[in-house]
């Protein structure tokens, strides 16, 4: 019987000690601290871009391009920027092909993947270089005597200006190439090379509050 009393007393004392001990703050109840730790390594954003391109070969075509995608940013080097980011984007474009001085319109839709490396941070601005690959589908054969399905390659660079802790203005100069990689033979692959400028925004989300950069 004495053993039972002793065990009961030991259990009571241990429960009192546990209740009185300082408790660690549960990070589950503090999503702000959790997010601060996570975003040192990875962040996400929406990306919106609109661009205009003009061919520098004999195709005499012009492109208006609209992009939307999800951007993943990795490895926060300083408080103001991440080392590299990658995005998966869908785009819609209108090609104006001038044949005999009369424009012919070729609508197109595509999916794209981009990889960017950020360099030389200055205040709220970083310079970056990028490369992109994509697949484009047109409502008709483009270019003329080509195919309705084409690949796309893009190389460029630009600047990213942080508006606050999560949102940024992005301006890019790109070389844009589209062709079908000779899938249907060289005679069915009239490639188009263009150069242009895109401008848009990376916008933060996940219910984060807006605020000035600190």
C-alpha atoms as a PDB file:
ATOM      1  CA  UNK A   1       0.000   0.000   0.000  1.00  0.00           C
ATOM      2  CA  UNK A   2       2.897   2.337   0.794  1.00  0.00           C
ATOM      3  CA  UNK A   3       4.201   1.759  -2.746  1.00  0.00           C
ATOM      4  CA  UNK A   4       0.869   2.868  -4.205  1.00  0.00           C
ATOM      5  CA  UNK A   5       0.925   6.086  -2.128  1.00  0.00           C
ATOM      6  CA  UNK A   6       4.547   6.703  -3.131  1.00  0.00           C
ATOM      7  CA  UNK A   7       3.788   6.243  -6.858  1.00  0.00           C
ATOM      8  CA  UNK A   8       0.730   8.486  -6.592  1.00  0.00           C
ATOM      9  CA  UNK A   9       2.789  11.196  -4.847  1.00  0.00           C
ATOM     10  CA  UNK A  10       5.558  10.897  -7.455  1.00  0.00           C
ATOM     11  CA  UNK A  11       3.027  11.212 -10.264  1.00  0.00           C
ATOM     12  CA  UNK A  12       1.441  14.272  -8.634  1.00  0.00           C
ATOM     13  CA  UNK A  13       4.796  16.011  -8.134  1.00  0.00           C
ATOM     14  CA  UNK A  14       5.907  15.284 -11.700  1.00  0.00           C
ATOM     15  CA  UNK A  15       2.687  16.736 -13.107  1.00  0.00           C
ATOM     16  CA  UNK A  16       3.107  19.869 -11.012  1.00  0.00           C
ATOM     17  CA  UNK A  17       6.687  20.286 -12.244  1.00  0.00           C
ATOM     18  CA  UNK A  18       5.650  19.801 -15.870  1.00  0.00           C
ATOM     19  CA  UNK A  19       2.823  22.328 -15.528  1.00  0.00           C
ATOM     20  CA  UNK A  20       5.122  24.873 -13.891  1.00  0.00           C
ATOM     21  CA  UNK A  21       7.949  24.481 -16.400  1.00  0.00           C
ATOM     22  CA  UNK A  22       8.295  27.237 -19.056  1.00  0.00           C
ATOM     23  CA  UNK A  23       6.749  26.129 -22.306  1.00  0.00           C
ATOM     24  CA  UNK A  24       8.229  26.628 -25.747  1.00  0.00           C
ATOM     25  CA  UNK A  25       6.120  28.715 -28.039  1.00  0.00           C
ATOM     26  CA  UNK A  26       4.384  26.516 -30.536  1.00  0.00           C
ATOM     27  CA  UNK A  27       5.364  27.659 -34.012  1.00  0.00           C
ATOM     28  CA  UNK A  28       2.076  26.329 -35.310  1.00  0.00           C
ATOM     29  CA  UNK A  29       0.387  29.208 -33.485  1.00  0.00           C
ATOM     30  CA  UNK A  30       2.870  31.697 -34.903  1.00  0.00           C
ATOM     31  CA  UNK A  31       2.714  31.413 -38.694  1.00  0.00           C
ATOM     32  CA  UNK A  32       4.612  34.700 -39.093  1.00  0.00           C
ATOM     33  CA  UNK A  33       7.778  33.238 -37.515  1.00  0.00           C
ATOM     34  CA  UNK A  34       7.345  30.045 -39.497  1.00  0.00           C
ATOM     35  CA  UNK A  35       7.099  32.013 -42.720  1.00  0.00           C
ATOM     36  CA  UNK A  36      10.149  34.122 -41.859  1.00  0.00           C
ATOM     37  CA  UNK A  37      12.226  30.948 -41.547  1.00  0.00           C
ATOM     38  CA  UNK A  38      10.892  29.414 -44.752  1.00  0.00           C
ATOM     39  CA  UNK A  39      11.314  32.486 -46.926  1.00  0.00           C
ATOM     40  CA  UNK A  40      15.046  32.646 -46.194  1.00  0.00           C
ATOM     41  CA  UNK A  41      15.328  29.690 -48.553  1.00  0.00           C
ATOM     42  CA  UNK A  42      12.307  29.838 -50.815  1.00  0.00           C
ATOM     43  CA  UNK A  43       9.555  32.278 -51.734  1.00  0.00           C
ATOM     44  CA  UNK A  44       6.699  32.277 -54.217  1.00  0.00           C
ATOM     45  CA  UNK A  45       4.989  34.965 -56.246  1.00  0.00           C
ATOM     46  CA  UNK A  46       2.652  35.599 -59.146  1.00  0.00           C
ATOM     47  CA  UNK A  47       4.336  36.995 -62.224  1.00  0.00           C
ATOM     48  CA  UNK A  48       2.649  39.122 -64.910  1.00  0.00           C
ATOM     49  CA  UNK A  49       4.484  40.227 -68.045  1.00  0.00           C
ATOM     50  CA  UNK A  50       3.575  42.037 -71.259  1.00  0.00           C
ATOM     51  CA  UNK A  51       6.058  42.260 -74.109  1.00  0.00           C
ATOM     52  CA  UNK A  52       6.580  43.576 -77.623  1.00  0.00           C
ATOM     53  CA  UNK A  53       9.023  42.029 -80.125  1.00  0.00           C
ATOM     54  CA  UNK A  54      10.128  42.865 -83.637  1.00  0.00           C
ATOM     55  CA  UNK A  55      11.897  40.497 -86.036  1.00  0.00           C
ATOM     56  CA  UNK A  56      15.413  41.431 -87.140  1.00  0.00           C
ATOM     57  CA  UNK A  57      15.448  39.045 -90.114  1.00  0.00           C
ATOM     58  CA  UNK A  58      13.543  39.141 -93.408  1.00  0.00           C
ATOM     59  CA  UNK A  59      10.279  37.837 -91.853  1.00  0.00           C
ATOM     60  CA  UNK A  60       9.016  41.369 -91.075  1.00  0.00           C
ATOM     61  CA  UNK A  61       6.830  40.333 -88.142  1.00  0.00           C
ATOM     62  CA  UNK A  62       5.897  41.883 -84.799  1.00  0.00           C
ATOM     63  CA  UNK A  63       4.681  40.168 -81.647  1.00  0.00           C
ATOM     64  CA  UNK A  64       2.588  41.296 -78.674  1.00  0.00           C
ATOM     65  CA  UNK A  65       2.892  38.870 -75.775  1.00  0.00           C
ATOM     66  CA  UNK A  66       1.071  38.470 -72.439  1.00  0.00           C
ATOM     67  CA  UNK A  67       2.403  36.137 -69.716  1.00  0.00           C
ATOM     68  CA  UNK A  68       1.112  34.876 -66.384  1.00  0.00           C
ATOM     69  CA  UNK A  69       2.833  32.347 -64.155  1.00  0.00           C
ATOM     70  CA  UNK A  70       4.069  31.194 -60.763  1.00  0.00           C
ATOM     71  CA  UNK A  71       7.568  32.205 -59.741  1.00  0.00           C
ATOM     72  CA  UNK A  72       9.735  30.328 -57.218  1.00  0.00           C
ATOM     73  CA  UNK A  73      12.646  32.252 -55.673  1.00  0.00           C
ATOM     74  CA  UNK A  74      15.521  30.441 -53.956  1.00  0.00           C
ATOM     75  CA  UNK A  75      18.369  31.196 -51.537  1.00  0.00           C
ATOM     76  CA  UNK A  76      17.979  34.595 -49.954  1.00  0.00           C
ATOM     77  CA  UNK A  77      21.441  36.152 -50.097  1.00  0.00           C
ATOM     78  CA  UNK A  78      20.568  39.535 -48.607  1.00  0.00           C
ATOM     79  CA  UNK A  79      17.455  41.102 -47.136  1.00  0.00           C
ATOM     80  CA  UNK A  80      16.462  42.493 -50.504  1.00  0.00           C
ATOM     81  CA  UNK A  81      16.890  39.689 -53.028  1.00  0.00           C
ATOM     82  CA  UNK A  82      17.176  35.993 -53.859  1.00  0.00           C
ATOM     83  CA  UNK A  83      20.054  34.492 -55.800  1.00  0.00           C
ATOM     84  CA  UNK A  84      17.992  32.749 -58.472  1.00  0.00           C
ATOM     85  CA  UNK A  85      14.406  32.106 -59.426  1.00  0.00           C
ATOM     86  CA  UNK A  86      12.461  29.940 -61.808  1.00  0.00           C
ATOM     87  CA  UNK A  87       8.966  30.337 -63.208  1.00  0.00           C
ATOM     88  CA  UNK A  88       6.355  28.320 -65.052  1.00  0.00           C
ATOM     89  CA  UNK A  89       4.271  30.577 -67.257  1.00  0.00           C
ATOM     90  CA  UNK A  90       1.387  30.421 -69.711  1.00  0.00           C
ATOM     91  CA  UNK A  91       1.265  33.021 -72.462  1.00  0.00           C
ATOM     92  CA  UNK A  92      -0.996  34.351 -75.171  1.00  0.00           C
ATOM     93  CA  UNK A  93       0.448  36.244 -78.125  1.00  0.00           C
ATOM     94  CA  UNK A  94      -0.569  37.948 -81.335  1.00  0.00           C
ATOM     95  CA  UNK A  95       1.816  37.850 -84.279  1.00  0.00           C
ATOM     96  CA  UNK A  96       1.444  40.559 -86.921  1.00  0.00           C
ATOM     97  CA  UNK A  97       3.153  39.280 -90.049  1.00  0.00           C
ATOM     98  CA  UNK A  98       3.477  41.917 -92.762  1.00  0.00           C
ATOM     99  CA  UNK A  99       3.253  40.293 -96.181  1.00  0.00           C
ATOM    100  CA  UNK A 100       3.092  42.713 -99.128  1.00  0.00           C
ATOM    101  CA  UNK A 101       2.612  45.491 -96.557  1.00  0.00           C
ATOM    102  CA  UNK A 102      -0.692  43.951 -95.377  1.00  0.00           C
ATOM    103  CA  UNK A 103      -0.609  42.526 -91.818  1.00  0.00           C
ATOM    104  CA  UNK A 104      -1.765  38.970 -91.235  1.00  0.00           C
ATOM    105  CA  UNK A 105      -2.604  38.059 -87.639  1.00  0.00           C
ATOM    106  CA  UNK A 106      -1.552  34.734 -86.066  1.00  0.00           C
ATOM    107  CA  UNK A 107      -2.914  34.169 -82.513  1.00  0.00           C
ATOM    108  CA  UNK A 108      -0.929  31.750 -80.379  1.00  0.00           C
ATOM    109  CA  UNK A 109      -0.923  30.102 -76.944  1.00  0.00           C
ATOM    110  CA  UNK A 110       1.982  28.545 -75.095  1.00  0.00           C
ATOM    111  CA  UNK A 111       3.627  27.239 -71.950  1.00  0.00           C
ATOM    112  CA  UNK A 112       7.107  28.318 -70.888  1.00  0.00           C
ATOM    113  CA  UNK A 113       9.810  27.642 -68.334  1.00  0.00           C
ATOM    114  CA  UNK A 114      12.326  30.325 -67.259  1.00  0.00           C
ATOM    115  CA  UNK A 115      15.479  30.265 -65.154  1.00  0.00           C
ATOM    116  CA  UNK A 116      17.056  33.500 -63.851  1.00  0.00           C
ATOM    117  CA  UNK A 117      20.284  34.279 -62.028  1.00  0.00           C
ATOM    118  CA  UNK A 118      20.407  37.564 -60.098  1.00  0.00           C
ATOM    119  CA  UNK A 119      23.613  39.593 -59.927  1.00  0.00           C
ATOM    120  CA  UNK A 120      24.953  42.908 -58.611  1.00  0.00           C
ATOM    121  CA  UNK A 121      22.358  44.070 -56.064  1.00  0.00           C
ATOM    122  CA  UNK A 122      22.202  47.850 -55.814  1.00  0.00           C
ATOM    123  CA  UNK A 123      19.828  49.297 -53.216  1.00  0.00           C
ATOM    124  CA  UNK A 124      16.441  47.763 -54.123  1.00  0.00           C
ATOM    125  CA  UNK A 125      17.493  46.718 -57.622  1.00  0.00           C
ATOM    126  CA  UNK A 126      19.160  43.594 -58.996  1.00  0.00           C
ATOM    127  CA  UNK A 127      20.407  42.757 -62.468  1.00  0.00           C
ATOM    128  CA  UNK A 128      19.650  39.307 -63.832  1.00  0.00           C
ATOM    129  CA  UNK A 129      20.280  37.063 -66.815  1.00  0.00           C
ATOM    130  CA  UNK A 130      17.740  34.485 -67.941  1.00  0.00           C
ATOM    131  CA  UNK A 131      17.001  31.660 -70.329  1.00  0.00           C
ATOM    132  CA  UNK A 132      13.630  30.244 -71.332  1.00  0.00           C
ATOM    133  CA  UNK A 133      12.134  27.330 -73.235  1.00  0.00           C
ATOM    134  CA  UNK A 134       8.572  26.829 -74.354  1.00  0.00           C
ATOM    135  CA  UNK A 135       6.033  25.231 -76.639  1.00  0.00           C
ATOM    136  CA  UNK A 136       3.762  27.384 -78.801  1.00  0.00           C
ATOM    137  CA  UNK A 137       0.561  26.443 -80.584  1.00  0.00           C
ATOM    138  CA  UNK A 138      -0.948  28.734 -83.231  1.00  0.00           C
ATOM    139  CA  UNK A 139      -4.430  28.754 -84.703  1.00  0.00           C
ATOM    140  CA  UNK A 140      -2.861  28.303 -88.147  1.00  0.00           C
ATOM    141  CA  UNK A 141       0.494  27.557 -89.697  1.00  0.00           C
ATOM    142  CA  UNK A 142       3.116  30.066 -88.594  1.00  0.00           C
ATOM    143  CA  UNK A 143       5.291  31.239 -90.177  1.00  0.00           C
ATOM    144  CA  UNK A 144       3.817  30.796 -93.641  1.00  0.00           C
ATOM    145  CA  UNK A 145       4.767  27.331 -94.938  1.00  0.00           C
ATOM    146  CA  UNK A 146       5.568  26.341 -91.363  1.00  0.00           C
ATOM    147  CA  UNK A 147       3.581  24.337 -88.807  1.00  0.00           C
ATOM    148  CA  UNK A 148       0.942  25.227 -86.241  1.00  0.00           C
ATOM    149  CA  UNK A 149       3.065  23.782 -83.372  1.00  0.00           C
ATOM    150  CA  UNK A 150       6.470  25.334 -82.655  1.00  0.00           C
ATOM    151  CA  UNK A 151       9.112  25.441 -79.992  1.00  0.00           C
ATOM    152  CA  UNK A 152      10.362  28.702 -78.482  1.00  0.00           C
ATOM    153  CA  UNK A 153      13.707  29.721 -77.023  1.00  0.00           C
ATOM    154  CA  UNK A 154      14.391  32.970 -75.205  1.00  0.00           C
ATOM    155  CA  UNK A 155      17.563  34.512 -73.797  1.00  0.00           C
ATOM    156  CA  UNK A 156      17.848  37.882 -72.135  1.00  0.00           C
ATOM    157  CA  UNK A 157      18.536  39.993 -69.114  1.00  0.00           C
ATOM    158  CA  UNK A 158      17.048  42.843 -67.184  1.00  0.00           C
ATOM    159  CA  UNK A 159      16.463  44.574 -63.883  1.00  0.00           C
ATOM    160  CA  UNK A 160      14.199  43.835 -60.956  1.00  0.00           C
ATOM    161  CA  UNK A 161      13.192  46.728 -58.696  1.00  0.00           C
ATOM    162  CA  UNK A 162      11.708  45.783 -55.320  1.00  0.00           C
ATOM    163  CA  UNK A 163       8.674  47.937 -54.555  1.00  0.00           C
ATOM    164  CA  UNK A 164       8.365  46.500 -51.044  1.00  0.00           C
ATOM    165  CA  UNK A 165       9.264  43.294 -49.223  1.00  0.00           C
ATOM    166  CA  UNK A 166       7.317  41.052 -51.602  1.00  0.00           C
ATOM    167  CA  UNK A 167       6.432  42.899 -54.832  1.00  0.00           C
ATOM    168  CA  UNK A 168       8.763  43.984 -57.625  1.00  0.00           C
ATOM    169  CA  UNK A 169       8.787  45.675 -61.017  1.00  0.00           C
ATOM    170  CA  UNK A 170      10.570  43.608 -63.698  1.00  0.00           C
ATOM    171  CA  UNK A 171      11.909  44.880 -67.036  1.00  0.00           C
ATOM    172  CA  UNK A 172      13.584  42.482 -69.464  1.00  0.00           C
ATOM    173  CA  UNK A 173      15.254  42.636 -72.891  1.00  0.00           C
ATOM    174  CA  UNK A 174      14.881  39.303 -74.713  1.00  0.00           C
ATOM    175  CA  UNK A 175      15.908  37.538 -77.876  1.00  0.00           C
ATOM    176  CA  UNK A 176      12.987  35.365 -78.982  1.00  0.00           C
ATOM    177  CA  UNK A 177      13.289  32.437 -81.405  1.00  0.00           C
ATOM    178  CA  UNK A 178      10.481  30.225 -82.671  1.00  0.00           C
ATOM    179  CA  UNK A 179      10.701  27.217 -84.989  1.00  0.00           C
ATOM    180  CA  UNK A 180       9.700  23.541 -85.152  1.00  0.00           C
ATOM    181  CA  UNK A 181      13.281  22.208 -84.973  1.00  0.00           C
ATOM    182  CA  UNK A 182      13.027  20.637 -88.460  1.00  0.00           C
ATOM    183  CA  UNK A 183      10.530  18.012 -87.270  1.00  0.00           C
ATOM    184  CA  UNK A 184       8.788  18.093 -90.655  1.00  0.00           C
ATOM    185  CA  UNK A 185      11.933  18.804 -92.644  1.00  0.00           C
ATOM    186  CA  UNK A 186      14.029  21.887 -93.202  1.00  0.00           C
ATOM    187  CA  UNK A 187      11.725  23.219 -95.913  1.00  0.00           C
ATOM    188  CA  UNK A 188       8.842  23.312 -93.364  1.00  0.00           C
ATOM    189  CA  UNK A 189      10.817  25.229 -90.750  1.00  0.00           C
ATOM    190  CA  UNK A 190      10.989  28.966 -91.532  1.00  0.00           C
ATOM    191  CA  UNK A 191      12.321  30.136 -88.147  1.00  0.00           C
ATOM    192  CA  UNK A 192      11.647  33.610 -86.793  1.00  0.00           C
ATOM    193  CA  UNK A 193      14.137  35.579 -84.668  1.00  0.00           C
ATOM    194  CA  UNK A 194      12.942  38.666 -82.814  1.00  0.00           C
ATOM    195  CA  UNK A 195      14.150  41.004 -80.107  1.00  0.00           C
ATOM    196  CA  UNK A 196      11.975  42.936 -77.713  1.00  0.00           C
ATOM    197  CA  UNK A 197      11.206  44.302 -74.274  1.00  0.00           C
ATOM    198  CA  UNK A 198       8.891  42.936 -71.598  1.00  0.00           C
ATOM    199  CA  UNK A 199       7.628  44.700 -68.491  1.00  0.00           C
ATOM    200  CA  UNK A 200       5.568  43.458 -65.595  1.00  0.00           C
ATOM    201  CA  UNK A 201       5.371  42.630 -61.907  1.00  0.00           C
ATOM    202  CA  UNK A 202       6.191  39.878 -59.461  1.00  0.00           C
ATOM    203  CA  UNK A 203       3.439  40.038 -56.839  1.00  0.00           C
ATOM    204  CA  UNK A 204       3.574  38.303 -53.469  1.00  0.00           C
ATOM    205  CA  UNK A 205       0.688  36.289 -52.100  1.00  0.00           C
ATOM    206  CA  UNK A 206      -0.127  33.713 -49.346  1.00  0.00           C
ATOM    207  CA  UNK A 207      -1.972  36.334 -47.219  1.00  0.00           C
ATOM    208  CA  UNK A 208       1.145  38.355 -46.427  1.00  0.00           C
ATOM    209  CA  UNK A 209       0.648  41.954 -45.358  1.00  0.00           C
ATOM    210  CA  UNK A 210       2.029  44.741 -47.499  1.00  0.00           C
ATOM    211  CA  UNK A 211       4.623  47.101 -46.051  1.00  0.00           C
ATOM    212  CA  UNK A 212       7.583  49.294 -46.794  1.00  0.00           C
ATOM    213  CA  UNK A 213      11.027  47.779 -47.072  1.00  0.00           C
ATOM    214  CA  UNK A 214      12.931  47.829 -43.780  1.00  0.00           C
END
